[in-house]
Amino acid sequence: MPFVKRDKRGVVIAVSQKPGSGCSEELSKDDPALAAFFTGITSAASPLDASDQDLIRVLEDVVDLLIAKGLILFTELPVDAQ
């Protein structure tokens, strides 16, 4: 069971697998307050995810262009990139 720390309003602001560092209240894994905490973290990362996806598309286009112009061969790319 996770341990949580709450702010003055009672909102979960930290989660730990062990008690300590202010995380003293034990919650069940399906507690709505815990779900709200993780939803907040996920939604905060969304702008970064979107910009990462945009960058990936640009890189794919650049690699495709370099291959089409014969400047690099597909087989010259690292296996993970192929």
PDB file of N, CA and C in Angstrom:
ATOM      1  N   MET A   1       0.838  -1.178   0.000  1.00  0.00           N
ATOM      2  CA  MET A   1       0.000   0.000   0.000  1.00  0.00           C
ATOM      3  C   MET A   1       0.887   1.247   0.000  1.00  0.00           C
ATOM      4  N   PRO A   2       0.536   2.229  -0.801  1.00  0.00           N
ATOM      5  CA  PRO A   2       1.331   3.456  -0.860  1.00  0.00           C
ATOM      6  C   PRO A   2       1.062   4.386   0.327  1.00  0.00           C
ATOM      7  N   PHE A   3       2.050   5.195   0.619  1.00  0.00           N
ATOM      8  CA  PHE A   3       1.940   6.220   1.653  1.00  0.00           C
ATOM      9  C   PHE A   3       1.943   7.578   0.961  1.00  0.00           C
ATOM     10  N   VAL A   4       1.127   8.495   1.467  1.00  0.00           N
ATOM     11  CA  VAL A   4       0.994   9.792   0.804  1.00  0.00           C
ATOM     12  C   VAL A   4       1.234  10.942   1.768  1.00  0.00           C
ATOM     13  N   LYS A   5       1.541  12.083   1.162  1.00  0.00           N
ATOM     14  CA  LYS A   5       1.653  13.350   1.884  1.00  0.00           C
ATOM     15  C   LYS A   5       0.612  14.268   1.272  1.00  0.00           C
ATOM     16  N   ARG A   6      -0.103  15.002   2.108  1.00  0.00           N
ATOM     17  CA  ARG A   6      -1.144  15.914   1.629  1.00  0.00           C
ATOM     18  C   ARG A   6      -0.762  17.357   1.940  1.00  0.00           C
ATOM     19  N   ASP A   7      -1.280  18.282   1.125  1.00  0.00           N
ATOM     20  CA  ASP A   7      -1.074  19.706   1.407  1.00  0.00           C
ATOM     21  C   ASP A   7      -2.139  20.186   2.386  1.00  0.00           C
ATOM     22  N   LYS A   8      -2.179  21.480   2.662  1.00  0.00           N
ATOM     23  CA  LYS A   8      -3.126  22.042   3.632  1.00  0.00           C
ATOM     24  C   LYS A   8      -4.573  21.857   3.207  1.00  0.00           C
ATOM     25  N   ARG A   9      -4.809  21.722   1.901  1.00  0.00           N
ATOM     26  CA  ARG A   9      -6.179  21.527   1.398  1.00  0.00           C
ATOM     27  C   ARG A   9      -6.593  20.056   1.399  1.00  0.00           C
ATOM     28  N   GLY A  10      -5.644  19.161   1.728  1.00  0.00           N
ATOM     29  CA  GLY A  10      -5.946  17.740   1.752  1.00  0.00           C
ATOM     30  C   GLY A  10      -5.665  17.033   0.436  1.00  0.00           C
ATOM     31  N   VAL A  11      -5.047  17.746  -0.495  1.00  0.00           N
ATOM     32  CA  VAL A  11      -4.731  17.168  -1.801  1.00  0.00           C
ATOM     33  C   VAL A  11      -3.411  16.404  -1.701  1.00  0.00           C
ATOM     34  N   VAL A  12      -3.366  15.211  -2.279  1.00  0.00           N
ATOM     35  CA  VAL A  12      -2.147  14.406  -2.275  1.00  0.00           C
ATOM     36  C   VAL A  12      -1.089  15.115  -3.119  1.00  0.00           C
ATOM     37  N   ILE A  13       0.097  15.335  -2.512  1.00  0.00           N
ATOM     38  CA  ILE A  13       1.179  16.022  -3.228  1.00  0.00           C
ATOM     39  C   ILE A  13       2.437  15.165  -3.357  1.00  0.00           C
ATOM     40  N   ALA A  14       2.477  14.012  -2.674  1.00  0.00           N
ATOM     41  CA  ALA A  14       3.630  13.114  -2.772  1.00  0.00           C
ATOM     42  C   ALA A  14       3.177  11.698  -2.450  1.00  0.00           C
ATOM     43  N   VAL A  15       3.838  10.735  -3.092  1.00  0.00           N
ATOM     44  CA  VAL A  15       3.520   9.323  -2.877  1.00  0.00           C
ATOM     45  C   VAL A  15       4.829   8.567  -2.687  1.00  0.00           C
ATOM     46  N   SER A  16       4.828   7.614  -1.755  1.00  0.00           N
ATOM     47  CA  SER A  16       6.010   6.806  -1.492  1.00  0.00           C
ATOM     48  C   SER A  16       5.592   5.372  -1.205  1.00  0.00           C
ATOM     49  N   GLN A  17       6.488   4.442  -1.505  1.00  0.00           N
ATOM     50  CA  GLN A  17       6.200   3.044  -1.186  1.00  0.00           C
ATOM     51  C   GLN A  17       6.415   2.752   0.291  1.00  0.00           C
ATOM     52  N   LYS A  18       7.196   3.606   0.956  1.00  0.00           N
ATOM     53  CA  LYS A  18       7.498   3.425   2.372  1.00  0.00           C
ATOM     54  C   LYS A  18       7.152   4.706   3.120  1.00  0.00           C
ATOM     55  N   PRO A  19       6.798   4.599   4.397  1.00  0.00           N
ATOM     56  CA  PRO A  19       6.527   5.814   5.165  1.00  0.00           C
ATOM     57  C   PRO A  19       7.814   6.612   5.371  1.00  0.00           C
ATOM     58  N   GLY A  20       7.677   7.923   5.409  1.00  0.00           N
ATOM     59  CA  GLY A  20       8.829   8.802   5.614  1.00  0.00           C
ATOM     60  C   GLY A  20       8.747   9.997   4.694  1.00  0.00           C
ATOM     61  N   SER A  21       9.587  10.982   4.928  1.00  0.00           N
ATOM     62  CA  SER A  21       9.625  12.222   4.140  1.00  0.00           C
ATOM     63  C   SER A  21       8.255  12.878   4.063  1.00  0.00           C
ATOM     64  N   GLY A  22       7.518  12.789   5.149  1.00  0.00           N
ATOM     65  CA  GLY A  22       6.201  13.411   5.189  1.00  0.00           C
ATOM     66  C   GLY A  22       5.090  12.532   4.662  1.00  0.00           C
ATOM     67  N   CYS A  23       5.435  11.405   4.071  1.00  0.00           N
ATOM     68  CA  CYS A  23       4.426  10.471   3.547  1.00  0.00           C
ATOM     69  C   CYS A  23       4.090   9.472   4.649  1.00  0.00           C
ATOM     70  N   SER A  24       3.078   9.787   5.427  1.00  0.00           N
ATOM     71  CA  SER A  24       2.756   8.946   6.577  1.00  0.00           C
ATOM     72  C   SER A  24       1.375   8.313   6.494  1.00  0.00           C
ATOM     73  N   GLU A  25       0.521   8.851   5.635  1.00  0.00           N
ATOM     74  CA  GLU A  25      -0.844   8.325   5.519  1.00  0.00           C
ATOM     75  C   GLU A  25      -0.871   7.196   4.491  1.00  0.00           C
ATOM     76  N   GLU A  26      -1.358   6.046   4.918  1.00  0.00           N
ATOM     77  CA  GLU A  26      -1.429   4.894   4.022  1.00  0.00           C
ATOM     78  C   GLU A  26      -2.776   4.884   3.302  1.00  0.00           C
ATOM     79  N   LEU A  27      -2.732   4.715   1.985  1.00  0.00           N
ATOM     80  CA  LEU A  27      -3.950   4.654   1.173  1.00  0.00           C
ATOM     81  C   LEU A  27      -3.997   3.338   0.414  1.00  0.00           C
ATOM     82  N   SER A  28      -5.208   2.911   0.080  1.00  0.00           N
ATOM     83  CA  SER A  28      -5.325   1.737  -0.780  1.00  0.00           C
ATOM     84  C   SER A  28      -4.975   2.148  -2.205  1.00  0.00           C
ATOM     85  N   LYS A  29      -4.554   1.193  -3.006  1.00  0.00           N
ATOM     86  CA  LYS A  29      -4.124   1.488  -4.378  1.00  0.00           C
ATOM     87  C   LYS A  29      -5.250   2.024  -5.250  1.00  0.00           C
ATOM     88  N   ASP A  30      -6.500   1.744  -4.870  1.00  0.00           N
ATOM     89  CA  ASP A  30      -7.628   2.217  -5.682  1.00  0.00           C
ATOM     90  C   ASP A  30      -8.308   3.452  -5.088  1.00  0.00           C
ATOM     91  N   ASP A  31      -7.646   4.131  -4.174  1.00  0.00           N
ATOM     92  CA  ASP A  31      -8.202   5.345  -3.568  1.00  0.00           C
ATOM     93  C   ASP A  31      -8.315   6.456  -4.620  1.00  0.00           C
ATOM     94  N   PRO A  32      -9.461   7.143  -4.696  1.00  0.00           N
ATOM     95  CA  PRO A  32      -9.647   8.217  -5.681  1.00  0.00           C
ATOM     96  C   PRO A  32      -8.617   9.350  -5.560  1.00  0.00           C
ATOM     97  N   ALA A  33      -8.163   9.642  -4.349  1.00  0.00           N
ATOM     98  CA  ALA A  33      -7.168  10.706  -4.160  1.00  0.00           C
ATOM     99  C   ALA A  33      -5.845  10.331  -4.822  1.00  0.00           C
ATOM    100  N   LEU A  34      -5.504   9.055  -4.770  1.00  0.00           N
ATOM    101  CA  LEU A  34      -4.281   8.578  -5.405  1.00  0.00           C
ATOM    102  C   LEU A  34      -4.416   8.631  -6.926  1.00  0.00           C
ATOM    103  N   ALA A  35      -5.571   8.250  -7.423  1.00  0.00           N
ATOM    104  CA  ALA A  35      -5.829   8.317  -8.867  1.00  0.00           C
ATOM    105  C   ALA A  35      -5.762   9.761  -9.354  1.00  0.00           C
ATOM    106  N   ALA A  36      -6.291  10.693  -8.578  1.00  0.00           N
ATOM    107  CA  ALA A  36      -6.259  12.111  -8.953  1.00  0.00           C
ATOM    108  C   ALA A  36      -4.822  12.627  -8.999  1.00  0.00           C
ATOM    109  N   PHE A  37      -3.992  12.182  -8.072  1.00  0.00           N
ATOM    110  CA  PHE A  37      -2.583  12.583  -8.055  1.00  0.00           C
ATOM    111  C   PHE A  37      -1.893  12.148  -9.341  1.00  0.00           C
ATOM    112  N   PHE A  38      -2.069  10.888  -9.729  1.00  0.00           N
ATOM    113  CA  PHE A  38      -1.400  10.384 -10.927  1.00  0.00           C
ATOM    114  C   PHE A  38      -1.992  10.979 -12.201  1.00  0.00           C
ATOM    115  N   THR A  39      -3.263  11.282 -12.195  1.00  0.00           N
ATOM    116  CA  THR A  39      -3.870  11.951 -13.350  1.00  0.00           C
ATOM    117  C   THR A  39      -3.261  13.337 -13.522  1.00  0.00           C
ATOM    118  N   GLY A  40      -3.019  14.029 -12.430  1.00  0.00           N
ATOM    119  CA  GLY A  40      -2.395  15.349 -12.488  1.00  0.00           C
ATOM    120  C   GLY A  40      -0.989  15.294 -13.052  1.00  0.00           C
ATOM    121  N   ILE A  41      -0.233  14.270 -12.691  1.00  0.00           N
ATOM    122  CA  ILE A  41       1.125  14.108 -13.219  1.00  0.00           C
ATOM    123  C   ILE A  41       1.067  13.836 -14.716  1.00  0.00           C
ATOM    124  N   THR A  42       0.169  12.971 -15.126  1.00  0.00           N
ATOM    125  CA  THR A  42       0.052  12.608 -16.534  1.00  0.00           C
ATOM    126  C   THR A  42      -0.348  13.800 -17.382  1.00  0.00           C
ATOM    127  N   SER A  43      -1.318  14.578 -16.920  1.00  0.00           N
ATOM    128  CA  SER A  43      -1.768  15.721 -17.713  1.00  0.00           C
ATOM    129  C   SER A  43      -0.708  16.817 -17.753  1.00  0.00           C
ATOM    130  N   ALA A  44       0.130  16.915 -16.732  1.00  0.00           N
ATOM    131  CA  ALA A  44       1.200  17.916 -16.734  1.00  0.00           C
ATOM    132  C   ALA A  44       2.269  17.578 -17.765  1.00  0.00           C
ATOM    133  N   ALA A  45       2.434  16.305 -18.073  1.00  0.00           N
ATOM    134  CA  ALA A  45       3.445  15.888 -19.044  1.00  0.00           C
ATOM    135  C   ALA A  45       2.949  16.004 -20.476  1.00  0.00           C
ATOM    136  N   SER A  46       1.669  16.188 -20.676  1.00  0.00           N
ATOM    137  CA  SER A  46       1.096  16.204 -22.019  1.00  0.00           C
ATOM    138  C   SER A  46       1.732  17.207 -22.976  1.00  0.00           C
ATOM    139  N   PRO A  47       1.992  18.452 -22.584  1.00  0.00           N
ATOM    140  CA  PRO A  47       2.628  19.380 -23.529  1.00  0.00           C
ATOM    141  C   PRO A  47       3.992  18.884 -24.012  1.00  0.00           C
ATOM    142  N   LEU A  48       4.749  18.258 -23.124  1.00  0.00           N
ATOM    143  CA  LEU A  48       6.038  17.708 -23.533  1.00  0.00           C
ATOM    144  C   LEU A  48       5.848  16.544 -24.490  1.00  0.00           C
ATOM    145  N   ASP A  49       4.872  15.703 -24.220  1.00  0.00           N
ATOM    146  CA  ASP A  49       4.604  14.584 -25.118  1.00  0.00           C
ATOM    147  C   ASP A  49       4.262  15.078 -26.511  1.00  0.00           C
ATOM    148  N   ALA A  50       3.462  16.119 -26.600  1.00  0.00           N
ATOM    149  CA  ALA A  50       3.059  16.657 -27.898  1.00  0.00           C
ATOM    150  C   ALA A  50       4.261  17.210 -28.650  1.00  0.00           C
ATOM    151  N   SER A  51       5.135  17.946 -27.964  1.00  0.00           N
ATOM    152  CA  SER A  51       6.309  18.496 -28.647  1.00  0.00           C
ATOM    153  C   SER A  51       7.277  17.390 -29.040  1.00  0.00           C
ATOM    154  N   ASP A  52       7.375  16.344 -28.221  1.00  0.00           N
ATOM    155  CA  ASP A  52       8.217  15.203 -28.577  1.00  0.00           C
ATOM    156  C   ASP A  52       7.704  14.529 -29.839  1.00  0.00           C
ATOM    157  N   GLN A  53       6.392  14.371 -29.948  1.00  0.00           N
ATOM    158  CA  GLN A  53       5.807  13.756 -31.139  1.00  0.00           C
ATOM    159  C   GLN A  53       6.077  14.601 -32.376  1.00  0.00           C
ATOM    160  N   ASP A  54       5.999  15.914 -32.244  1.00  0.00           N
ATOM    161  CA  ASP A  54       6.292  16.808 -33.368  1.00  0.00           C
ATOM    162  C   ASP A  54       7.745  16.653 -33.812  1.00  0.00           C
ATOM    163  N   LEU A  55       8.656  16.592 -32.859  1.00  0.00           N
ATOM    164  CA  LEU A  55      10.069  16.441 -33.180  1.00  0.00           C
ATOM    165  C   LEU A  55      10.335  15.099 -33.860  1.00  0.00           C
ATOM    166  N   ILE A  56       9.694  14.056 -33.393  1.00  0.00           N
ATOM    167  CA  ILE A  56       9.858  12.732 -34.000  1.00  0.00           C
ATOM    168  C   ILE A  56       9.413  12.757 -35.453  1.00  0.00           C
ATOM    169  N   ARG A  57       8.284  13.411 -35.736  1.00  0.00           N
ATOM    170  CA  ARG A  57       7.804  13.509 -37.121  1.00  0.00           C
ATOM    171  C   ARG A  57       8.813  14.242 -38.002  1.00  0.00           C
ATOM    172  N   VAL A  58       9.384  15.320 -37.497  1.00  0.00           N
ATOM    173  CA  VAL A  58      10.378  16.083 -38.259  1.00  0.00           C
ATOM    174  C   VAL A  58      11.608  15.219 -38.533  1.00  0.00           C
ATOM    175  N   LEU A  59      12.086  14.515 -37.514  1.00  0.00           N
ATOM    176  CA  LEU A  59      13.254  13.656 -37.703  1.00  0.00           C
ATOM    177  C   LEU A  59      12.987  12.553 -38.722  1.00  0.00           C
ATOM    178  N   GLU A  60      11.796  11.965 -38.675  1.00  0.00           N
ATOM    179  CA  GLU A  60      11.441  10.941 -39.664  1.00  0.00           C
ATOM    180  C   GLU A  60      11.465  11.522 -41.070  1.00  0.00           C
ATOM    181  N   ASP A  61      10.936  12.732 -41.230  1.00  0.00           N
ATOM    182  CA  ASP A  61      10.931  13.382 -42.543  1.00  0.00           C
ATOM    183  C   ASP A  61      12.352  13.661 -43.026  1.00  0.00           C
ATOM    184  N   VAL A  62      13.224  14.105 -42.133  1.00  0.00           N
ATOM    185  CA  VAL A  62      14.612  14.387 -42.502  1.00  0.00           C
ATOM    186  C   VAL A  62      15.319  13.105 -42.934  1.00  0.00           C
ATOM    187  N   VAL A  63      15.144  12.039 -42.171  1.00  0.00           N
ATOM    188  CA  VAL A  63      15.771  10.763 -42.525  1.00  0.00           C
ATOM    189  C   VAL A  63      15.237  10.270 -43.864  1.00  0.00           C
ATOM    190  N   ASP A  64      13.924  10.348 -44.076  1.00  0.00           N
ATOM    191  CA  ASP A  64      13.341   9.936 -45.360  1.00  0.00           C
ATOM    192  C   ASP A  64      13.928  10.739 -46.512  1.00  0.00           C
ATOM    193  N   LEU A  65      14.094  12.034 -46.325  1.00  0.00           N
ATOM    194  CA  LEU A  65      14.654  12.898 -47.363  1.00  0.00           C
ATOM    195  C   LEU A  65      16.113  12.534 -47.657  1.00  0.00           C
ATOM    196  N   LEU A  66      16.894  12.311 -46.614  1.00  0.00           N
ATOM    197  CA  LEU A  66      18.297  11.933 -46.803  1.00  0.00           C
ATOM    198  C   LEU A  66      18.424  10.601 -47.543  1.00  0.00           C
ATOM    199  N   ILE A  67      17.548   9.663 -47.230  1.00  0.00           N
ATOM    200  CA  ILE A  67      17.550   8.372 -47.925  1.00  0.00           C
ATOM    201  C   ILE A  67      17.132   8.564 -49.375  1.00  0.00           C
ATOM    202  N   ALA A  68      16.073   9.339 -49.611  1.00  0.00           N
ATOM    203  CA  ALA A  68      15.573   9.569 -50.974  1.00  0.00           C
ATOM    204  C   ALA A  68      16.628  10.240 -51.852  1.00  0.00           C
ATOM    205  N   LYS A  69      17.434  11.115 -51.290  1.00  0.00           N
ATOM    206  CA  LYS A  69      18.474  11.814 -52.058  1.00  0.00           C
ATOM    207  C   LYS A  69      19.758  10.993 -52.170  1.00  0.00           C
ATOM    208  N   GLY A  70      19.770   9.828 -51.536  1.00  0.00           N
ATOM    209  CA  GLY A  70      20.940   8.961 -51.610  1.00  0.00           C
ATOM    210  C   GLY A  70      22.107   9.417 -50.754  1.00  0.00           C
ATOM    211  N   LEU A  71      21.852  10.282 -49.808  1.00  0.00           N
ATOM    212  CA  LEU A  71      22.926  10.778 -48.947  1.00  0.00           C
ATOM    213  C   LEU A  71      23.273   9.796 -47.831  1.00  0.00           C
ATOM    214  N   ILE A  72      22.306   9.003 -47.437  1.00  0.00           N
ATOM    215  CA  ILE A  72      22.552   7.920 -46.481  1.00  0.00           C
ATOM    216  C   ILE A  72      21.789   6.695 -46.951  1.00  0.00           C
ATOM    217  N   LEU A  73      22.254   5.542 -46.536  1.00  0.00           N
ATOM    218  CA  LEU A  73      21.551   4.295 -46.822  1.00  0.00           C
ATOM    219  C   LEU A  73      20.795   3.872 -45.571  1.00  0.00           C
ATOM    220  N   PHE A  74      19.656   3.270 -45.790  1.00  0.00           N
ATOM    221  CA  PHE A  74      18.839   2.784 -44.681  1.00  0.00           C
ATOM    222  C   PHE A  74      19.656   1.852 -43.796  1.00  0.00           C
ATOM    223  N   THR A  75      20.494   1.027 -44.399  1.00  0.00           N
ATOM    224  CA  THR A  75      21.291   0.046 -43.655  1.00  0.00           C
ATOM    225  C   THR A  75      22.412   0.689 -42.841  1.00  0.00           C
ATOM    226  N   GLU A  76      22.706   1.964 -43.095  1.00  0.00           N
ATOM    227  CA  GLU A  76      23.730   2.665 -42.312  1.00  0.00           C
ATOM    228  C   GLU A  76      23.194   3.134 -40.958  1.00  0.00           C
ATOM    229  N   LEU A  77      21.895   3.132 -40.827  1.00  0.00           N
ATOM    230  CA  LEU A  77      21.283   3.551 -39.564  1.00  0.00           C
ATOM    231  C   LEU A  77      21.456   2.456 -38.521  1.00  0.00           C
ATOM    232  N   PRO A  78      21.508   2.820 -37.250  1.00  0.00           N
ATOM    233  CA  PRO A  78      21.553   1.797 -36.199  1.00  0.00           C
ATOM    234  C   PRO A  78      20.330   0.881 -36.307  1.00  0.00           C
ATOM    235  N   VAL A  79      20.495  -0.350 -35.897  1.00  0.00           N
ATOM    236  CA  VAL A  79      19.422  -1.348 -36.003  1.00  0.00           C
ATOM    237  C   VAL A  79      18.135  -0.840 -35.365  1.00  0.00           C
ATOM    238  N   ASP A  80      18.227  -0.207 -34.210  1.00  0.00           N
ATOM    239  CA  ASP A  80      17.025   0.297 -33.532  1.00  0.00           C
ATOM    240  C   ASP A  80      16.321   1.371 -34.346  1.00  0.00           C
ATOM    241  N   ALA A  81      17.065   2.107 -35.158  1.00  0.00           N
ATOM    242  CA  ALA A  81      16.471   3.171 -35.970  1.00  0.00           C
ATOM    243  C   ALA A  81      15.883   2.639 -37.272  1.00  0.00           C
ATOM    244  N   GLN A  82      16.311   1.456 -37.687  1.00  0.00           N
ATOM    245  CA  GLN A  82      15.805   0.880 -38.932  1.00  0.00           C
ATOM    246  C   GLN A  82      14.385   0.413 -38.741  1.00  0.00           C
TER     247      GLN A  82
END
